[in-house]
Structure formats: C-alpha cells, structure tokens
C-alpha cells in the first residue's frame, strides 16, 4: 500500500490541548529547545525508517537562522511538540545535543545517513 505524501504522526500538544494526529509539514521550521530552555535551531526535516516507516529522527538546522549545518536527533529525544509557541522541546541538555550526529546536506544526503 503506497504511503501518502503527508507523513502523519501522533504528537503531544501543550497541556491545555488534547493530543491529535497532525501533518509533519506543520512542525517544520519550529524552534528546537533543549532542557535549559535554549533554542538550538529549527526543525528542518523528519526521517522515516526504511523498515517500518516510523519517524526515527528529527533533523535540526543549527542556530536561529537556517544554515547548512544540521544535526540528527532520535525522535525518542522529543518530549513535547508545542503548537502554541511553535516549538519542539527535547529531553536533551545543550551539552547532550552538541554530541548528536552532524549530517550532510544536499539532495539525497539524508538517505545516506541512516
């Protein structure tokens, strides 16, 4: 069965809202925030596993502006997607985030990083 263009994932919403299914496109470019409350970048992409089509990684463009340097973070490190503040909160400290894998950029580069 073919997969739709829009990837749909279950995400937590802020405490005042109920969880729901949402398009992955909706959260792209959201701020990515570590446990200390520092914004470390913007959500640039989401990666599906080849085996079971589950979201396996989030790709973060570093800094406040989009740059060519990107970091791959396991989706298990995401603690909350807050639609109100347009932020993805991580369970990682800034130090732990700095230890995540840097990925190549450009066409097809993410496919080679799995």
Protein backbone atom coordinates (compact mmCIF):
# COMPACT_ATOMS: atom_id res chain seq x y z
CA UNK A 1 0.00 0.00 0.00
CA UNK A 2 1.56 3.36 -1.01
CA UNK A 3 2.36 5.97 1.63
CA UNK A 4 0.70 9.39 1.28
CA UNK A 5 2.85 12.45 0.60
CA UNK A 6 1.98 13.84 4.01
CA UNK A 7 3.56 11.97 6.89
CA UNK A 8 1.21 11.84 9.84
CA UNK A 9 2.43 11.28 13.36
CA UNK A 10 0.90 11.29 16.81
CA UNK A 11 2.32 14.16 18.84
CA UNK A 12 1.70 15.59 22.26
CA UNK A 13 0.19 19.03 22.43
CA UNK A 14 0.66 21.56 25.21
CA UNK A 15 -1.11 20.83 28.50
CA UNK A 16 -4.16 22.89 27.52
CA UNK A 17 -4.80 20.90 24.34
CA UNK A 18 -5.53 17.27 23.54
CA UNK A 19 -3.11 15.09 21.55
CA UNK A 20 -4.11 14.59 17.90
CA UNK A 21 -2.81 13.45 14.57
CA UNK A 22 -1.02 16.19 12.69
CA UNK A 23 0.84 16.71 9.43
CA UNK A 24 4.61 16.67 9.75
CA UNK A 25 4.74 19.72 7.47
CA UNK A 26 3.03 21.73 10.20
CA UNK A 27 6.00 21.46 12.56
CA UNK A 28 8.82 22.11 10.08
CA UNK A 29 10.72 25.29 10.96
CA UNK A 30 9.55 25.15 14.60
CA UNK A 31 12.17 26.20 17.15
CA UNK A 32 14.04 23.29 18.78
CA UNK A 33 14.57 23.83 22.51
CA UNK A 34 16.84 21.94 24.94
CA UNK A 35 16.04 21.26 28.59
CA UNK A 36 17.66 24.53 29.73
CA UNK A 37 15.21 26.45 27.57
CA UNK A 38 17.80 27.49 24.95
CA UNK A 39 16.78 27.42 21.29
CA UNK A 40 19.43 25.39 19.46
CA UNK A 41 17.98 25.51 15.96
CA UNK A 42 14.96 24.93 13.75
CA UNK A 43 13.29 21.66 12.78
CA UNK A 44 14.46 21.17 9.19
CA UNK A 45 13.31 17.66 8.33
CA UNK A 46 11.95 14.36 9.61
CA UNK A 47 13.41 10.96 8.69
CA UNK A 48 11.41 7.75 8.32
CA UNK A 49 12.99 4.35 8.95
CA UNK A 50 13.18 2.17 5.85
CA UNK A 51 11.92 -0.91 7.65
CA UNK A 52 8.63 0.19 9.20
CA UNK A 53 8.03 3.80 8.06
CA UNK A 54 8.20 5.10 11.63
CA UNK A 55 9.66 8.54 12.33
CA UNK A 56 13.17 7.71 13.51
CA UNK A 57 14.98 11.06 13.53
CA UNK A 58 14.41 14.79 13.52
CA UNK A 59 16.91 16.93 11.63
CA UNK A 60 17.73 20.28 13.22
CA UNK A 61 19.23 23.21 11.30
CA UNK A 62 21.61 24.81 13.79
CA UNK A 63 21.29 28.32 15.14
CA UNK A 64 18.45 30.82 14.95
CA UNK A 65 18.83 31.05 11.15
CA UNK A 66 18.81 28.07 8.81
CA UNK A 67 22.36 27.02 8.00
CA UNK A 68 23.98 24.21 6.06
CA UNK A 69 24.98 22.50 9.30
CA UNK A 70 22.36 20.09 10.57
CA UNK A 71 22.14 17.65 13.45
CA UNK A 72 20.22 14.38 13.55
CA UNK A 73 18.32 13.66 16.79
CA UNK A 74 16.39 10.48 17.60
CA UNK A 75 12.67 11.17 17.89
CA UNK A 76 12.71 9.49 21.31
CA UNK A 77 14.56 12.63 22.48
CA UNK A 78 11.49 14.77 21.71
CA UNK A 79 9.47 15.45 24.85
CA UNK A 80 6.82 17.85 23.52
CA UNK A 81 5.64 19.50 20.32
CA UNK A 82 4.04 22.79 21.40
CA UNK A 83 1.83 24.19 18.64
CA UNK A 84 1.05 27.37 20.58
CA UNK A 85 4.66 28.50 20.85
CA UNK A 86 5.71 26.66 17.66
CA UNK A 87 8.48 24.79 19.47
CA UNK A 88 9.81 21.24 19.65
CA UNK A 89 11.14 20.54 23.16
CA UNK A 90 13.88 17.96 23.65
CA UNK A 91 14.74 15.73 26.60
CA UNK A 92 18.37 16.67 25.92
CA UNK A 93 20.59 19.26 27.56
CA UNK A 94 22.54 21.61 25.31
CA UNK A 95 25.64 19.51 26.05
CA UNK A 96 23.91 16.25 25.04
CA UNK A 97 22.51 17.93 21.91
CA UNK A 98 26.03 19.02 20.93
CA UNK A 99 27.06 15.33 20.94
CA UNK A 100 24.40 14.35 18.35
CA UNK A 101 25.40 13.35 14.80
CA UNK A 102 26.05 16.12 12.29
CA UNK A 103 24.57 15.14 8.92
CA UNK A 104 25.44 16.05 5.37
CA UNK A 105 23.19 18.43 3.49
CA UNK A 106 22.11 18.50 -0.12
CA UNK A 107 19.96 16.30 -2.33
CA UNK A 108 19.84 12.70 -1.14
CA UNK A 109 22.29 13.26 1.71
CA UNK A 110 19.84 12.25 4.44
CA UNK A 111 19.11 8.95 2.72
CA UNK A 112 22.81 8.11 3.02
CA UNK A 113 22.91 8.91 6.74
CA UNK A 114 20.59 6.16 8.04
